Amino acid sequence: MKKANFSNNQIPIDFSFVSEKTFDNFIHGNNGAIIKSLTSFSDEDFTNIISICGKKSSGKTHLCRATEKSMRNTFYLNMDNAESLDNKTDSFSLLIIDDIDLLLKNYDIEEKIFSLVNEFILDKKSILLTSTSNLKNIKFQIPDLLSRLSCGLNFKINDLDDLDKIKVLKQYAQERGLSLSPLVCDYIITHFKRELYYLCNSIKYLDQKSLSLKKKITIPFIKKIIDLKSS
C-alpha cells in the first residue's frame, strides 16, 4: 500500500505553539548520549564544541533551545538573525549555530561565523552547532572553519522507533489541543510515511480538515481525507 503523504500541500510546520523546549520534554529514544553531553555544558575555562546532525524535524532545534534555556549568556544564531550578525558577543559564554549548513550558502555570513567561532575558541568558550548533514559532507568555502568545528564531539540523531514516534505524535497533537486515540496513532504510523516531518505535517493537515469539517479525527475520517486528496 502506498504511504499517505501530505507534504505536497506545502504546509509549513509551525512550532510556535509548542510548549517551552526543554530536555525533559524531548523524546530522545536511543539518543541519550547527546542529552548527556549537552547537559554537561558548563562555564568552565575550556572550549567545548558539540556538533549534531539530523534529518529535518529530528529535534535539532529543540535541543538547541533546551541547551539555551539551561545555560546563561547564550548567543543563538540561525536563519532568522544571520543577516544582522555582528561580533558584539563578548558577554556570551555559549555560541549556538542552528542549521549551519543553511547559513553557509552565503559567503559573507560564513566569514562572520568564522570570525565568531575563532573568538569563542580563543576565549575558551563553548560552541553547539547543528546541521542536516555531517560536517565533512557540507561545502565550506572557508576550509579553516571546518577544521575548527570538527575538533569537538560529533553526534548524529538516531531515528526513533515507532513507539517513540507515537509519543512525538501525541505530544505534537496535544500542543494543538487534540487527543489522538492509540488506534488512530497506530493507523497513522502504519499508513503514513514514517519520517517525523511528514508525520507532523499530516497531523497538522488532519487538524485543519477536522476543524473545517467539524469532525473528530478517527480512522474513518482519516480514510476519507486520504481518498479526497487522492481523487
Protein backbone atom coordinates (compact mmCIF):
# COMPACT_ATOMS: atom_id res chain seq x y z
CA MET A 1 0.00 0.00 0.00
CA LYS A 2 1.30 3.43 -0.92
CA LYS A 3 2.00 5.57 2.11
CA ALA A 4 -0.11 8.69 2.51
CA ASN A 5 1.89 11.86 2.06
CA PHE A 6 0.52 15.33 2.71
CA SER A 7 3.79 17.14 2.02
CA ASN A 8 2.57 18.33 -1.38
CA ASN A 9 0.26 20.76 0.38
CA GLN A 10 3.31 22.83 1.29
CA ILE A 11 2.04 23.18 4.85
CA PRO A 12 4.90 24.51 6.97
CA ILE A 13 5.21 23.02 10.43
CA ASP A 14 4.65 25.90 12.81
CA PHE A 15 6.10 25.00 16.19
CA SER A 16 5.37 28.42 17.70
CA PHE A 17 2.54 26.96 19.78
CA VAL A 18 4.73 24.20 21.21
CA SER A 19 5.46 24.45 24.92
CA GLU A 20 8.86 25.58 26.05
CA LYS A 21 11.52 23.25 24.68
CA THR A 22 13.43 21.51 27.44
CA PHE A 23 15.47 18.35 27.85
CA ASP A 24 12.62 16.89 29.90
CA ASN A 25 10.08 17.07 27.06
CA PHE A 26 12.49 15.93 24.36
CA ILE A 27 11.69 12.35 23.35
CA HIS A 28 15.23 11.10 22.87
CA GLY A 29 14.82 7.37 22.15
CA ASN A 30 18.35 5.97 21.94
CA ASN A 31 19.93 9.44 21.74
CA GLY A 32 20.69 9.62 25.43
CA ALA A 33 24.40 10.27 24.86
CA ILE A 34 23.56 13.55 23.12
CA ILE A 35 21.43 14.72 26.04
CA LYS A 36 24.16 13.76 28.50
CA SER A 37 26.77 15.76 26.58
CA LEU A 38 24.56 18.82 26.20
CA THR A 39 23.62 18.89 29.86
CA SER A 40 27.32 18.79 30.74
CA PHE A 41 27.98 22.15 29.07
CA SER A 42 29.44 24.47 31.68
CA ASP A 43 31.11 27.82 32.09
CA GLU A 44 34.45 26.24 32.94
CA ASP A 45 37.59 27.71 31.42
CA PHE A 46 37.82 25.48 28.34
CA THR A 47 36.30 25.23 24.88
CA ASN A 48 33.68 22.54 24.37
CA ILE A 49 32.44 22.07 20.79
CA ILE A 50 29.50 19.78 20.03
CA SER A 51 28.16 19.15 16.54
CA ILE A 52 24.79 17.45 15.97
CA CYS A 53 23.46 16.35 12.60
CA GLY A 54 19.99 15.00 11.97
CA LYS A 55 17.15 14.86 9.50
CA LYS A 56 14.56 17.59 9.15
CA SER A 57 12.27 17.64 12.21
CA SER A 58 14.53 15.23 14.11
CA GLY A 59 14.71 17.61 17.07
CA LYS A 60 17.85 19.65 16.40
CA THR A 61 16.25 23.00 17.17
CA HIS A 62 14.53 21.53 20.23
CA LEU A 63 17.95 20.50 21.57
CA CYS A 64 19.39 23.93 20.78
CA ARG A 65 16.57 25.72 22.59
CA ALA A 66 16.78 23.34 25.54
CA THR A 67 20.52 23.99 25.81
CA GLU A 68 19.93 27.72 25.54
CA LYS A 69 17.43 27.52 28.38
CA SER A 70 19.79 25.53 30.60
CA MET A 71 22.72 27.92 30.11
CA ARG A 72 23.11 31.60 30.80
CA ASN A 73 24.50 34.19 28.39
CA THR A 74 23.86 32.26 25.18
CA PHE A 75 24.20 33.69 21.67
CA TYR A 76 21.75 31.91 19.35
CA LEU A 77 22.41 32.14 15.62
CA ASN A 78 20.06 30.83 12.94
CA MET A 79 18.47 31.89 9.65
CA ASP A 80 16.33 34.49 11.41
CA ASN A 81 19.18 36.69 12.63
CA ALA A 82 22.15 35.69 10.45
CA GLU A 83 21.84 38.68 8.13
CA SER A 84 22.17 41.12 11.03
CA LEU A 85 25.01 39.22 12.69
CA ASP A 86 27.66 41.37 14.34
CA ASN A 87 30.60 40.49 16.56
CA LYS A 88 29.33 42.06 19.78
CA THR A 89 29.39 38.76 21.64
CA ASP A 90 31.82 39.43 24.48
CA SER A 91 29.18 38.88 27.15
CA PHE A 92 28.15 35.42 25.89
CA SER A 93 29.58 32.15 27.17
CA LEU A 94 27.95 29.78 24.65
CA LEU A 95 27.53 30.08 20.89
CA ILE A 96 24.68 28.09 19.30
CA ILE A 97 24.57 27.84 15.50
CA ASP A 98 21.37 26.13 14.35
CA ASP A 99 21.32 24.72 10.79
CA ILE A 100 24.82 25.86 9.91
CA ASP A 101 24.59 24.15 6.51
CA LEU A 102 21.85 26.60 5.52
CA LEU A 103 23.83 29.60 6.76
CA LEU A 104 26.93 28.67 4.77
CA LYS A 105 25.15 29.29 1.47
CA ASN A 106 26.07 32.95 1.96
CA TYR A 107 29.82 33.63 1.91
CA ASP A 108 29.54 36.90 3.84
CA ILE A 109 27.72 35.09 6.64
CA GLU A 110 30.30 32.30 6.59
CA GLU A 111 33.07 34.86 7.08
CA LYS A 112 31.24 36.32 10.06
CA ILE A 113 30.69 32.85 11.53
CA PHE A 114 34.39 32.07 11.06
CA SER A 115 35.33 35.22 12.95
CA LEU A 116 32.79 34.44 15.65
CA VAL A 117 33.99 30.85 16.08
CA ASN A 118 37.60 31.99 16.33
CA GLU A 119 36.67 34.48 19.05
CA PHE A 120 34.83 31.85 21.10
CA ILE A 121 37.69 29.37 20.77
CA LEU A 122 40.32 31.94 21.73
CA ASP A 123 38.22 33.00 24.71
CA LYS A 124 37.78 29.32 25.71
CA LYS A 125 34.02 29.43 25.32
CA SER A 126 31.71 26.63 24.16
CA ILE A 127 30.01 26.10 20.80
CA LEU A 128 26.99 24.00 19.79
CA LEU A 129 26.04 23.61 16.14
CA THR A 130 23.50 21.59 14.19
CA SER A 131 23.15 20.57 10.56
CA THR A 132 21.24 18.13 8.39
CA SER A 133 24.47 16.54 7.15
CA ASN A 134 27.76 15.54 8.71
CA LEU A 135 30.18 18.47 8.73
CA LYS A 136 32.52 16.63 6.36
CA ASN A 137 29.73 16.48 3.76
CA ILE A 138 28.98 20.21 3.91
CA LYS A 139 30.57 22.52 1.36
CA PHE A 140 32.63 25.02 3.36
CA GLN A 141 34.07 27.92 1.39
CA ILE A 142 36.47 28.56 4.27
CA PRO A 143 38.28 25.25 4.96
CA ASP A 144 39.69 26.51 8.26
CA LEU A 145 36.15 26.91 9.60
CA LEU A 146 35.53 23.20 9.01
CA SER A 147 38.75 22.26 10.80
CA ARG A 148 37.85 24.47 13.78
CA LEU A 149 34.39 22.96 14.16
CA SER A 150 35.48 19.36 13.58
CA CYS A 151 37.72 19.20 16.63
CA GLY A 152 34.87 18.59 19.07
CA LEU A 153 32.26 15.90 19.67
CA ASN A 154 30.18 14.85 16.67
CA PHE A 155 26.75 13.27 17.08
CA LYS A 156 24.07 12.03 14.73
CA ILE A 157 20.45 11.96 15.92
CA ASN A 158 19.29 8.37 15.53
CA ASP A 159 15.82 7.67 14.17
CA LEU A 160 13.15 6.98 16.75
CA ASP A 161 11.36 3.64 16.76
CA ASP A 162 7.61 3.55 16.13
CA LEU A 163 6.71 3.67 19.82
CA ASP A 164 8.74 6.85 20.33
CA LYS A 165 7.33 8.35 17.14
CA ILE A 166 3.85 7.78 18.54
CA LYS A 167 4.93 9.65 21.68
CA VAL A 168 6.05 12.55 19.48
CA LEU A 169 2.75 12.49 17.58
CA LYS A 170 0.75 12.53 20.81
CA GLN A 171 2.85 15.37 22.19
CA TYR A 172 2.53 17.33 18.95
CA ALA A 173 -1.23 16.73 18.84
CA GLN A 174 -1.72 17.69 22.50
CA GLU A 175 0.01 21.00 21.87
CA ARG A 176 -2.63 21.62 19.20
CA GLY A 177 -5.41 20.71 21.61
CA LEU A 178 -6.00 17.31 20.03
CA SER A 179 -6.42 13.95 21.70
CA LEU A 180 -5.50 11.04 19.45
CA SER A 181 -6.57 7.54 20.42
CA PRO A 182 -3.96 4.75 20.39
CA LEU A 183 -5.74 3.18 17.40
CA VAL A 184 -5.55 6.43 15.43
CA CYS A 185 -1.84 6.80 16.24
CA ASP A 186 -1.17 3.23 15.16
CA TYR A 187 -3.08 3.82 11.93
CA ILE A 188 -1.10 6.98 11.13
CA ILE A 189 2.22 5.26 11.82
CA THR A 190 1.21 2.30 9.65
CA HIS A 191 -0.28 4.17 6.69
CA PHE A 192 1.77 7.37 6.51
CA LYS A 193 5.40 8.00 5.64
CA ARG A 194 7.36 7.42 8.83
CA GLU A 195 9.65 10.46 8.73
CA LEU A 196 8.72 12.79 11.60
CA TYR A 197 8.48 15.75 9.24
CA TYR A 198 5.73 14.05 7.22
CA LEU A 199 4.01 12.62 10.28
CA CYS A 200 3.78 16.02 11.96
CA ASN A 201 2.72 17.64 8.70
CA SER A 202 -0.02 15.04 8.42
CA ILE A 203 -1.27 15.77 11.94
CA LYS A 204 -1.45 19.46 11.11
CA TYR A 205 -3.30 18.76 7.86
CA LEU A 206 -5.78 16.44 9.58
CA ASP A 207 -6.32 19.01 12.32
CA GLN A 208 -7.13 21.70 9.76
CA LYS A 209 -9.54 19.39 7.94
CA SER A 210 -11.24 18.27 11.16
CA LEU A 211 -11.79 21.90 12.15
CA SER A 212 -13.16 22.90 8.75
CA LEU A 213 -15.45 19.85 8.54
CA LYS A 214 -16.26 19.88 12.28
CA LYS A 215 -15.33 16.21 12.61
CA LYS A 216 -13.23 14.30 15.12
CA ILE A 217 -10.05 12.67 13.90
CA THR A 218 -10.97 9.00 13.66
CA ILE A 219 -9.76 6.22 11.38
CA PRO A 220 -12.83 6.52 9.06
CA PHE A 221 -12.25 10.29 8.92
CA ILE A 222 -8.57 9.81 8.01
CA LYS A 223 -9.51 7.30 5.29
CA LYS A 224 -12.00 9.78 3.87
CA ILE A 225 -9.43 12.59 3.83
CA ILE A 226 -6.87 10.35 2.12
CA ASP A 227 -9.45 9.36 -0.51
CA LEU A 228 -10.40 13.01 -1.11
CA LYS A 229 -6.78 14.02 -1.51
CA SER A 230 -6.09 11.13 -3.88
CA SER A 231 -9.09 11.86 -6.08
